[in-house]
Amino acid sequence: MIMRFFMVILLTLYSLTALASCPEYLNVTLRKLHSQDSVNLCQVTAGKPVLIVNTASHCGFTPQFKALESLHKQYKDKGLVILGFPSNDFRQEAKNEAKTAKVCYVNYGVTFTMLSPSSVTGDQANSVFKYLATKATPPKWNFYKYLVSADGATVKAFASATEPNSDAFLQAIEQLL
């Protein structure tokens, strides 16, 4: 009983420390894709480098989900966190969130964190993409990729055509880790 009490205290302190050191742009709680569950991005990313991608279900770049999942499996134990943000800003996202989830989870086997659809450009952009736009550039199309340092200070943007398994992209990930 006492041991459980101390474990709860330690986990609470760890969570508070992670939230205190979290970059402000990640201090949001968002709903997961096709789920009632929400996730606080600070807790998911706590002191880790992050790959943020705006996605769409019906885009010529949608097959990049396979390579993104491969990156997730390859680098998650080294600290890289991948966050997917479905968006219909470029009019290529499924109108039904269940269909978006099917593309991600069934068609491509995605296991990294996918969030509910939101805007990633303009005045309606979610807070994460508003921040990314100030540090780099807003996404010009679906599957724009942003590598962000653990402290959130360094953001490097990659165009949609940059394959997640390309040498240049893999090198950028290695430098970030």
N, C-alpha and C. Protein backbone atom coordinates (compact mmCIF):
# COMPACT_ATOMS: atom_id res chain seq x y z
N MET A 1 0.82 -1.19 0.00
CA MET A 1 0.00 0.00 0.00
C MET A 1 0.86 1.26 0.00
N ILE A 2 1.88 1.27 0.87
CA ILE A 2 2.77 2.43 0.95
C ILE A 2 3.57 2.55 -0.34
N MET A 3 4.01 1.40 -0.87
CA MET A 3 4.78 1.41 -2.12
C MET A 3 3.94 2.00 -3.26
N ARG A 4 2.67 1.63 -3.32
CA ARG A 4 1.78 2.15 -4.36
C ARG A 4 1.64 3.67 -4.21
N PHE A 5 1.50 4.15 -2.98
CA PHE A 5 1.38 5.57 -2.71
C PHE A 5 2.61 6.32 -3.24
N PHE A 6 3.80 5.81 -2.94
CA PHE A 6 5.02 6.45 -3.41
C PHE A 6 5.14 6.41 -4.94
N MET A 7 4.69 5.33 -5.54
CA MET A 7 4.71 5.23 -7.01
C MET A 7 3.80 6.30 -7.62
N VAL A 8 2.63 6.50 -7.05
CA VAL A 8 1.71 7.53 -7.54
C VAL A 8 2.34 8.91 -7.40
N ILE A 9 2.99 9.16 -6.29
CA ILE A 9 3.66 10.45 -6.06
C ILE A 9 4.78 10.65 -7.09
N LEU A 10 5.59 9.64 -7.32
CA LEU A 10 6.68 9.74 -8.29
C LEU A 10 6.16 9.99 -9.69
N LEU A 11 5.12 9.27 -10.09
CA LEU A 11 4.54 9.48 -11.42
C LEU A 11 3.95 10.87 -11.55
N THR A 12 3.32 11.35 -10.52
CA THR A 12 2.76 12.71 -10.53
C THR A 12 3.87 13.74 -10.67
N LEU A 13 4.94 13.59 -9.90
CA LEU A 13 6.07 14.52 -10.00
C LEU A 13 6.70 14.48 -11.38
N TYR A 14 6.85 13.28 -11.94
CA TYR A 14 7.40 13.15 -13.30
C TYR A 14 6.51 13.88 -14.30
N SER A 15 5.20 13.70 -14.18
CA SER A 15 4.27 14.36 -15.10
C SER A 15 4.34 15.87 -14.96
N LEU A 16 4.41 16.36 -13.73
CA LEU A 16 4.51 17.80 -13.52
C LEU A 16 5.81 18.36 -14.06
N THR A 17 6.91 17.63 -13.90
CA THR A 17 8.20 18.05 -14.45
C THR A 17 8.15 18.09 -15.97
N ALA A 18 7.56 17.07 -16.57
CA ALA A 18 7.45 17.03 -18.03
C ALA A 18 6.60 18.20 -18.53
N LEU A 19 5.50 18.49 -17.85
CA LEU A 19 4.65 19.60 -18.27
C LEU A 19 5.35 20.94 -18.09
N ALA A 20 6.12 21.08 -17.02
CA ALA A 20 6.82 22.34 -16.76
C ALA A 20 7.89 22.61 -17.80
N SER A 21 8.54 21.56 -18.31
CA SER A 21 9.60 21.76 -19.29
C SER A 21 9.09 21.64 -20.73
N CYS A 22 7.82 21.45 -20.89
CA CYS A 22 7.23 21.26 -22.21
C CYS A 22 7.16 22.58 -22.98
N PRO A 23 7.53 22.55 -24.26
CA PRO A 23 7.34 23.76 -25.07
C PRO A 23 5.86 24.15 -25.10
N GLU A 24 5.59 25.43 -25.01
CA GLU A 24 4.21 25.91 -24.91
C GLU A 24 3.31 25.41 -26.04
N TYR A 25 3.85 25.30 -27.25
CA TYR A 25 3.02 24.90 -28.39
C TYR A 25 2.50 23.47 -28.27
N LEU A 26 3.16 22.66 -27.45
CA LEU A 26 2.70 21.28 -27.23
C LEU A 26 1.85 21.13 -25.98
N ASN A 27 1.66 22.21 -25.25
CA ASN A 27 0.89 22.14 -24.02
C ASN A 27 -0.61 22.21 -24.33
N VAL A 28 -1.06 21.22 -25.07
CA VAL A 28 -2.47 21.11 -25.46
C VAL A 28 -2.92 19.66 -25.30
N THR A 29 -4.19 19.50 -25.07
CA THR A 29 -4.80 18.17 -25.01
C THR A 29 -5.71 18.06 -26.22
N LEU A 30 -5.48 17.03 -27.03
CA LEU A 30 -6.24 16.83 -28.26
C LEU A 30 -6.83 15.43 -28.28
N ARG A 31 -7.92 15.31 -28.99
CA ARG A 31 -8.57 14.01 -29.12
C ARG A 31 -7.83 13.15 -30.14
N LYS A 32 -7.68 11.88 -29.83
CA LYS A 32 -7.06 10.94 -30.76
C LYS A 32 -8.04 10.64 -31.90
N LEU A 33 -7.49 10.24 -33.02
CA LEU A 33 -8.28 9.94 -34.21
C LEU A 33 -9.32 8.85 -33.93
N HIS A 34 -10.56 9.15 -34.26
CA HIS A 34 -11.69 8.23 -34.17
C HIS A 34 -11.75 7.55 -32.80
N SER A 35 -11.66 8.39 -31.75
CA SER A 35 -11.62 7.89 -30.39
C SER A 35 -12.24 8.92 -29.46
N GLN A 36 -12.68 8.46 -28.32
CA GLN A 36 -13.13 9.37 -27.27
C GLN A 36 -11.96 9.77 -26.38
N ASP A 37 -10.82 9.09 -26.54
CA ASP A 37 -9.63 9.35 -25.73
C ASP A 37 -8.91 10.60 -26.22
N SER A 38 -8.37 11.32 -25.26
CA SER A 38 -7.56 12.50 -25.56
C SER A 38 -6.14 12.25 -25.08
N VAL A 39 -5.23 13.06 -25.60
CA VAL A 39 -3.83 12.93 -25.23
C VAL A 39 -3.26 14.33 -25.04
N ASN A 40 -2.50 14.50 -23.95
CA ASN A 40 -1.79 15.75 -23.75
C ASN A 40 -0.46 15.61 -24.47
N LEU A 41 -0.21 16.48 -25.42
CA LEU A 41 1.00 16.36 -26.25
C LEU A 41 2.28 16.52 -25.42
N CYS A 42 2.23 17.27 -24.33
CA CYS A 42 3.41 17.39 -23.47
C CYS A 42 3.76 16.03 -22.86
N GLN A 43 2.76 15.30 -22.44
CA GLN A 43 3.03 14.00 -21.83
C GLN A 43 3.57 13.01 -22.85
N VAL A 44 3.10 13.09 -24.09
CA VAL A 44 3.54 12.17 -25.14
C VAL A 44 4.96 12.48 -25.59
N THR A 45 5.31 13.76 -25.61
CA THR A 45 6.58 14.18 -26.18
C THR A 45 7.66 14.50 -25.15
N ALA A 46 7.31 14.57 -23.89
CA ALA A 46 8.18 14.93 -22.77
C ALA A 46 9.68 14.82 -23.04
N GLY A 47 10.30 15.93 -23.42
CA GLY A 47 11.74 15.99 -23.62
C GLY A 47 12.26 15.19 -24.80
N LYS A 48 11.42 14.91 -25.75
CA LYS A 48 11.83 14.10 -26.90
C LYS A 48 11.72 14.89 -28.20
N PRO A 49 12.54 14.56 -29.18
CA PRO A 49 12.37 15.17 -30.50
C PRO A 49 11.07 14.65 -31.12
N VAL A 50 10.47 15.48 -31.97
CA VAL A 50 9.15 15.15 -32.51
C VAL A 50 9.15 15.31 -34.04
N LEU A 51 8.50 14.38 -34.70
CA LEU A 51 8.20 14.48 -36.13
C LEU A 51 6.71 14.72 -36.24
N ILE A 52 6.34 15.87 -36.79
CA ILE A 52 4.94 16.25 -36.93
C ILE A 52 4.61 16.27 -38.42
N VAL A 53 3.49 15.61 -38.78
CA VAL A 53 3.11 15.48 -40.18
C VAL A 53 1.63 15.80 -40.34
N ASN A 54 1.29 16.67 -41.30
CA ASN A 54 -0.12 16.84 -41.64
C ASN A 54 -0.45 15.80 -42.71
N THR A 55 -1.53 15.08 -42.52
CA THR A 55 -1.83 13.94 -43.39
C THR A 55 -3.18 14.10 -44.06
N ALA A 56 -3.42 13.26 -45.06
CA ALA A 56 -4.71 13.20 -45.74
C ALA A 56 -4.90 11.79 -46.30
N SER A 57 -6.12 11.33 -46.29
CA SER A 57 -6.43 9.95 -46.68
C SER A 57 -6.44 9.70 -48.18
N HIS A 58 -6.75 10.74 -48.96
CA HIS A 58 -6.92 10.57 -50.40
C HIS A 58 -5.97 11.45 -51.20
N CYS A 59 -4.70 11.32 -50.90
CA CYS A 59 -3.67 12.15 -51.52
C CYS A 59 -2.65 11.23 -52.17
N GLY A 60 -1.98 11.73 -53.17
CA GLY A 60 -0.94 10.94 -53.81
C GLY A 60 0.20 10.60 -52.86
N PHE A 61 0.33 11.35 -51.77
CA PHE A 61 1.39 11.09 -50.79
C PHE A 61 0.94 10.17 -49.65
N THR A 62 -0.32 9.77 -49.65
CA THR A 62 -0.85 8.92 -48.58
C THR A 62 -0.01 7.65 -48.35
N PRO A 63 0.56 7.03 -49.39
CA PRO A 63 1.39 5.84 -49.14
C PRO A 63 2.61 6.11 -48.24
N GLN A 64 2.92 7.39 -47.98
CA GLN A 64 4.01 7.70 -47.05
C GLN A 64 3.72 7.21 -45.64
N PHE A 65 2.44 6.90 -45.35
CA PHE A 65 2.12 6.34 -44.03
C PHE A 65 2.97 5.10 -43.75
N LYS A 66 3.22 4.30 -44.78
CA LYS A 66 3.99 3.07 -44.60
C LYS A 66 5.41 3.40 -44.12
N ALA A 67 6.05 4.36 -44.76
CA ALA A 67 7.41 4.75 -44.37
C ALA A 67 7.41 5.46 -43.01
N LEU A 68 6.38 6.24 -42.72
CA LEU A 68 6.29 6.90 -41.41
C LEU A 68 6.15 5.87 -40.30
N GLU A 69 5.35 4.83 -40.54
CA GLU A 69 5.22 3.77 -39.55
C GLU A 69 6.55 3.04 -39.36
N SER A 70 7.26 2.85 -40.44
CA SER A 70 8.57 2.21 -40.36
C SER A 70 9.53 3.07 -39.51
N LEU A 71 9.50 4.39 -39.72
CA LEU A 71 10.32 5.30 -38.90
C LEU A 71 9.93 5.19 -37.43
N HIS A 72 8.64 5.12 -37.18
CA HIS A 72 8.16 5.01 -35.80
C HIS A 72 8.75 3.76 -35.14
N LYS A 73 8.69 2.65 -35.82
CA LYS A 73 9.21 1.40 -35.27
C LYS A 73 10.73 1.47 -35.09
N GLN A 74 11.41 2.11 -36.04
CA GLN A 74 12.86 2.18 -36.00
C GLN A 74 13.39 3.12 -34.92
N TYR A 75 12.69 4.24 -34.69
CA TYR A 75 13.24 5.29 -33.82
C TYR A 75 12.50 5.53 -32.51
N LYS A 76 11.38 4.87 -32.27
CA LYS A 76 10.64 5.17 -31.04
C LYS A 76 11.46 4.86 -29.79
N ASP A 77 12.25 3.79 -29.82
CA ASP A 77 13.07 3.46 -28.65
C ASP A 77 14.27 4.38 -28.49
N LYS A 78 14.56 5.16 -29.52
CA LYS A 78 15.64 6.15 -29.44
C LYS A 78 15.09 7.52 -29.05
N GLY A 79 13.76 7.61 -28.88
CA GLY A 79 13.16 8.84 -28.38
C GLY A 79 12.30 9.62 -29.35
N LEU A 80 12.32 9.30 -30.63
CA LEU A 80 11.53 10.07 -31.60
C LEU A 80 10.04 9.79 -31.43
N VAL A 81 9.26 10.85 -31.36
CA VAL A 81 7.80 10.75 -31.28
C VAL A 81 7.24 11.26 -32.60
N ILE A 82 6.31 10.52 -33.18
CA ILE A 82 5.64 10.94 -34.41
C ILE A 82 4.20 11.28 -34.10
N LEU A 83 3.77 12.46 -34.56
CA LEU A 83 2.40 12.91 -34.40
C LEU A 83 1.80 13.17 -35.78
N GLY A 84 0.67 12.53 -36.06
CA GLY A 84 -0.03 12.74 -37.32
C GLY A 84 -1.27 13.59 -37.11
N PHE A 85 -1.41 14.60 -37.98
CA PHE A 85 -2.54 15.52 -37.92
C PHE A 85 -3.33 15.46 -39.22
N PRO A 86 -4.38 14.64 -39.30
CA PRO A 86 -5.20 14.64 -40.51
C PRO A 86 -5.84 16.02 -40.70
N SER A 87 -5.91 16.44 -41.95
CA SER A 87 -6.49 17.74 -42.25
C SER A 87 -7.12 17.72 -43.63
N ASN A 88 -8.21 18.46 -43.77
CA ASN A 88 -8.85 18.59 -45.07
C ASN A 88 -8.55 19.95 -45.70
N ASP A 89 -7.51 20.63 -45.22
CA ASP A 89 -7.18 21.94 -45.75
C ASP A 89 -6.89 21.92 -47.25
N PHE A 90 -6.44 20.78 -47.75
CA PHE A 90 -6.13 20.67 -49.17
C PHE A 90 -7.15 19.78 -49.88
N ARG A 91 -8.28 19.58 -49.22
CA ARG A 91 -9.45 18.89 -49.76
C ARG A 91 -9.18 17.45 -50.22
N GLN A 92 -8.39 16.74 -49.43
CA GLN A 92 -8.11 15.35 -49.77
C GLN A 92 -8.26 14.42 -48.56
N GLU A 93 -8.96 14.89 -47.55
CA GLU A 93 -9.20 14.07 -46.37
C GLU A 93 -10.62 13.51 -46.46
N ALA A 94 -10.80 12.31 -45.94
CA ALA A 94 -12.13 11.70 -45.90
C ALA A 94 -13.05 12.59 -45.07
N LYS A 95 -14.29 12.67 -45.47
CA LYS A 95 -15.25 13.51 -44.75
C LYS A 95 -15.68 12.84 -43.45
N ASN A 96 -15.50 11.53 -43.37
CA ASN A 96 -15.90 10.76 -42.21
C ASN A 96 -14.64 10.32 -41.46
N GLU A 97 -14.58 10.63 -40.18
CA GLU A 97 -13.39 10.32 -39.39
C GLU A 97 -13.13 8.81 -39.32
N ALA A 98 -14.19 8.01 -39.36
CA ALA A 98 -14.01 6.54 -39.35
C ALA A 98 -13.26 6.09 -40.60
N LYS A 99 -13.52 6.74 -41.73
CA LYS A 99 -12.81 6.38 -42.97
C LYS A 99 -11.34 6.80 -42.88
N THR A 100 -11.09 7.94 -42.28
CA THR A 100 -9.71 8.37 -42.07
C THR A 100 -8.97 7.36 -41.21
N ALA A 101 -9.62 6.93 -40.13
CA ALA A 101 -9.01 5.95 -39.24
C ALA A 101 -8.74 4.64 -39.97
N LYS A 102 -9.66 4.22 -40.82
CA LYS A 102 -9.46 2.97 -41.57
C LYS A 102 -8.23 3.07 -42.45
N VAL A 103 -8.06 4.19 -43.15
CA VAL A 103 -6.88 4.37 -44.00
C VAL A 103 -5.61 4.26 -43.16
N CYS A 104 -5.60 4.94 -42.02
CA CYS A 104 -4.39 4.94 -41.18
C CYS A 104 -4.14 3.59 -40.53
N TYR A 105 -5.12 3.10 -39.82
CA TYR A 105 -4.92 1.93 -38.96
C TYR A 105 -5.04 0.60 -39.70
N VAL A 106 -5.98 0.51 -40.62
CA VAL A 106 -6.20 -0.77 -41.32
C VAL A 106 -5.34 -0.85 -42.58
N ASN A 107 -5.42 0.16 -43.42
CA ASN A 107 -4.70 0.10 -44.70
C ASN A 107 -3.18 0.19 -44.52
N TYR A 108 -2.72 1.01 -43.55
CA TYR A 108 -1.27 1.23 -43.40
C TYR A 108 -0.70 0.76 -42.06
N GLY A 109 -1.53 0.27 -41.16
CA GLY A 109 -1.02 -0.26 -39.90
C GLY A 109 -0.37 0.75 -38.98
N VAL A 110 -0.82 1.99 -39.04
CA VAL A 110 -0.23 3.05 -38.23
C VAL A 110 -0.42 2.78 -36.75
N THR A 111 0.67 2.89 -35.99
CA THR A 111 0.60 2.74 -34.53
C THR A 111 1.08 4.02 -33.81
N PHE A 112 1.66 4.97 -34.55
CA PHE A 112 2.06 6.22 -33.91
C PHE A 112 0.81 7.06 -33.65
N THR A 113 0.94 8.09 -32.85
CA THR A 113 -0.20 8.90 -32.44
C THR A 113 -0.79 9.68 -33.61
N MET A 114 -2.05 9.38 -33.88
CA MET A 114 -2.83 10.13 -34.87
C MET A 114 -3.91 10.90 -34.11
N LEU A 115 -4.08 12.15 -34.46
CA LEU A 115 -5.03 13.01 -33.78
C LEU A 115 -6.25 13.25 -34.65
N SER A 116 -7.31 13.73 -34.05
CA SER A 116 -8.54 13.99 -34.80
C SER A 116 -8.28 15.08 -35.84
N PRO A 117 -9.02 15.08 -36.93
CA PRO A 117 -8.80 16.07 -38.00
C PRO A 117 -8.92 17.51 -37.50
N SER A 118 -8.04 18.34 -38.02
CA SER A 118 -8.05 19.77 -37.68
C SER A 118 -7.40 20.54 -38.82
N SER A 119 -7.54 21.83 -38.76
CA SER A 119 -6.92 22.69 -39.77
C SER A 119 -5.44 22.88 -39.45
N VAL A 120 -4.62 22.96 -40.51
CA VAL A 120 -3.18 23.14 -40.34
C VAL A 120 -2.66 24.39 -41.04
N THR A 121 -3.53 25.13 -41.68
CA THR A 121 -3.12 26.36 -42.37
C THR A 121 -4.06 27.52 -42.04
N GLY A 122 -3.54 28.71 -42.22
CA GLY A 122 -4.36 29.91 -42.07
C GLY A 122 -4.79 30.21 -40.64
N ASP A 123 -5.78 31.09 -40.52
CA ASP A 123 -6.27 31.52 -39.21
C ASP A 123 -6.89 30.38 -38.42
N GLN A 124 -7.40 29.37 -39.10
CA GLN A 124 -8.07 28.25 -38.43
C GLN A 124 -7.10 27.14 -38.00
N ALA A 125 -5.81 27.30 -38.31
CA ALA A 125 -4.83 26.27 -37.97
C ALA A 125 -4.82 25.98 -36.48
N ASN A 126 -4.61 24.71 -36.14
CA ASN A 126 -4.50 24.36 -34.72
C ASN A 126 -3.22 25.01 -34.16
N SER A 127 -3.12 25.06 -32.85
CA SER A 127 -2.01 25.78 -32.21
C SER A 127 -0.64 25.20 -32.55
N VAL A 128 -0.55 23.90 -32.78
CA VAL A 128 0.73 23.29 -33.13
C VAL A 128 1.20 23.82 -34.48
N PHE A 129 0.32 23.84 -35.46
CA PHE A 129 0.72 24.31 -36.79
C PHE A 129 0.88 25.82 -36.86
N LYS A 130 0.20 26.56 -36.01
CA LYS A 130 0.45 28.00 -35.93
C LYS A 130 1.89 28.23 -35.47
N TYR A 131 2.32 27.47 -34.49
CA TYR A 131 3.70 27.58 -34.00
C TYR A 131 4.69 27.18 -35.09
N LEU A 132 4.45 26.06 -35.74
CA LEU A 132 5.36 25.60 -36.80
C LEU A 132 5.50 26.63 -37.91
N ALA A 133 4.40 27.30 -38.24
CA ALA A 133 4.43 28.33 -39.28
C ALA A 133 5.33 29.50 -38.90
N THR A 134 5.41 29.80 -37.59
CA THR A 134 6.28 30.91 -37.16
C THR A 134 7.74 30.50 -37.14
N LYS A 135 8.00 29.22 -36.93
CA LYS A 135 9.38 28.73 -36.84
C LYS A 135 9.94 28.27 -38.20
N ALA A 136 9.06 27.91 -39.11
CA ALA A 136 9.50 27.41 -40.42
C ALA A 136 8.58 27.99 -41.49
N THR A 137 7.65 27.18 -41.95
CA THR A 137 6.69 27.60 -42.97
C THR A 137 5.41 26.80 -42.78
N PRO A 138 4.28 27.38 -43.12
CA PRO A 138 3.07 26.56 -43.05
C PRO A 138 3.13 25.47 -44.12
N PRO A 139 2.41 24.37 -43.93
CA PRO A 139 2.44 23.32 -44.95
C PRO A 139 1.86 23.83 -46.27
N LYS A 140 2.52 23.45 -47.34
CA LYS A 140 2.05 23.84 -48.68
C LYS A 140 1.13 22.78 -49.27
N TRP A 141 1.15 21.59 -48.67
CA TRP A 141 0.34 20.47 -49.15
C TRP A 141 0.32 19.40 -48.06
N ASN A 142 -0.37 18.33 -48.31
CA ASN A 142 -0.43 17.21 -47.37
C ASN A 142 0.95 16.56 -47.23
N PHE A 143 1.18 15.97 -46.10
CA PHE A 143 2.41 15.24 -45.78
C PHE A 143 3.65 16.14 -45.73
N TYR A 144 3.43 17.40 -45.34
CA TYR A 144 4.55 18.25 -44.97
C TYR A 144 5.06 17.69 -43.65
N LYS A 145 6.36 17.66 -43.49
CA LYS A 145 6.96 17.06 -42.31
C LYS A 145 7.80 18.09 -41.57
N TYR A 146 7.70 18.05 -40.25
CA TYR A 146 8.45 18.98 -39.40
C TYR A 146 9.21 18.17 -38.36
N LEU A 147 10.51 18.31 -38.36
CA LEU A 147 11.34 17.73 -37.30
C LEU A 147 11.60 18.82 -36.28
N VAL A 148 11.25 18.55 -35.03
CA VAL A 148 11.33 19.55 -33.97
C VAL A 148 12.22 19.02 -32.86
N SER A 149 13.16 19.83 -32.43
CA SER A 149 14.06 19.45 -31.33
C SER A 149 13.25 19.26 -30.04
N ALA A 150 13.83 18.57 -29.11
CA ALA A 150 13.15 18.25 -27.85
C ALA A 150 12.68 19.49 -27.10
N ASP A 151 13.42 20.59 -27.22
CA ASP A 151 13.02 21.82 -26.53
C ASP A 151 12.09 22.69 -27.37
N GLY A 152 11.81 22.26 -28.60
CA GLY A 152 10.89 23.00 -29.47
C GLY A 152 11.52 24.20 -30.16
N ALA A 153 12.77 24.48 -29.88
CA ALA A 153 13.42 25.68 -30.42
C ALA A 153 13.82 25.54 -31.88
N THR A 154 14.17 24.34 -32.29
CA THR A 154 14.63 24.12 -33.66
C THR A 154 13.57 23.34 -34.43
N VAL A 155 13.15 23.93 -35.55
CA VAL A 155 12.16 23.29 -36.40
C VAL A 155 12.70 23.25 -37.82
N LYS A 156 12.69 22.08 -38.41
CA LYS A 156 13.13 21.93 -39.79
C LYS A 156 11.97 21.34 -40.59
N ALA A 157 11.56 22.06 -41.65
CA ALA A 157 10.42 21.63 -42.47
C ALA A 157 10.90 20.89 -43.71
N PHE A 158 10.12 19.89 -44.10
CA PHE A 158 10.40 19.10 -45.29
C PHE A 158 9.14 19.04 -46.14
N ALA A 159 9.29 19.29 -47.43
CA ALA A 159 8.16 19.29 -48.35
C ALA A 159 7.54 17.91 -48.47
N SER A 160 6.33 17.88 -48.97
CA SER A 160 5.58 16.64 -49.14
C SER A 160 6.34 15.59 -49.94
N ALA A 161 7.06 16.03 -50.96
CA ALA A 161 7.77 15.10 -51.84
C ALA A 161 8.97 14.43 -51.16
N THR A 162 9.38 14.95 -50.01
CA THR A 162 10.48 14.32 -49.27
C THR A 162 9.98 13.01 -48.69
N GLU A 163 10.55 11.94 -49.15
CA GLU A 163 10.15 10.61 -48.66
C GLU A 163 10.69 10.42 -47.24
N PRO A 164 9.86 9.90 -46.33
CA PRO A 164 10.32 9.69 -44.96
C PRO A 164 11.52 8.76 -44.84
N ASN A 165 11.74 7.91 -45.82
CA ASN A 165 12.88 7.00 -45.77
C ASN A 165 14.04 7.44 -46.66
N SER A 166 14.00 8.69 -47.11
CA SER A 166 15.10 9.20 -47.94
C SER A 166 16.34 9.41 -47.08
N ASP A 167 17.50 9.35 -47.70
CA ASP A 167 18.76 9.53 -46.98
C ASP A 167 18.81 10.86 -46.25
N ALA A 168 18.40 11.93 -46.93
CA ALA A 168 18.45 13.26 -46.32
C ALA A 168 17.56 13.35 -45.09
N PHE A 169 16.38 12.76 -45.17
CA PHE A 169 15.45 12.81 -44.04
C PHE A 169 15.97 11.97 -42.88
N LEU A 170 16.46 10.78 -43.17
CA LEU A 170 17.01 9.91 -42.13
C LEU A 170 18.20 10.57 -41.45
N GLN A 171 19.03 11.25 -42.23
CA GLN A 171 20.18 11.96 -41.66
C GLN A 171 19.71 13.07 -40.72
N ALA A 172 18.66 13.79 -41.11
CA ALA A 172 18.12 14.86 -40.25
C ALA A 172 17.59 14.28 -38.95
N ILE A 173 16.97 13.13 -39.01
CA ILE A 173 16.48 12.48 -37.79
C ILE A 173 17.65 12.09 -36.90
N GLU A 174 18.65 11.48 -37.49
CA GLU A 174 19.82 11.07 -36.70
C GLU A 174 20.48 12.26 -36.02
N GLN A 175 20.57 13.40 -36.72
CA GLN A 175 21.17 14.59 -36.12
C GLN A 175 20.33 15.10 -34.96
N LEU A 176 19.02 14.95 -35.07
CA LEU A 176 18.11 15.42 -34.02
C LEU A 176 18.21 14.55 -32.77
N LEU A 177 18.46 13.27 -32.99
CA LEU A 177 18.55 12.35 -31.84
C LEU A 177 19.88 12.52 -31.14
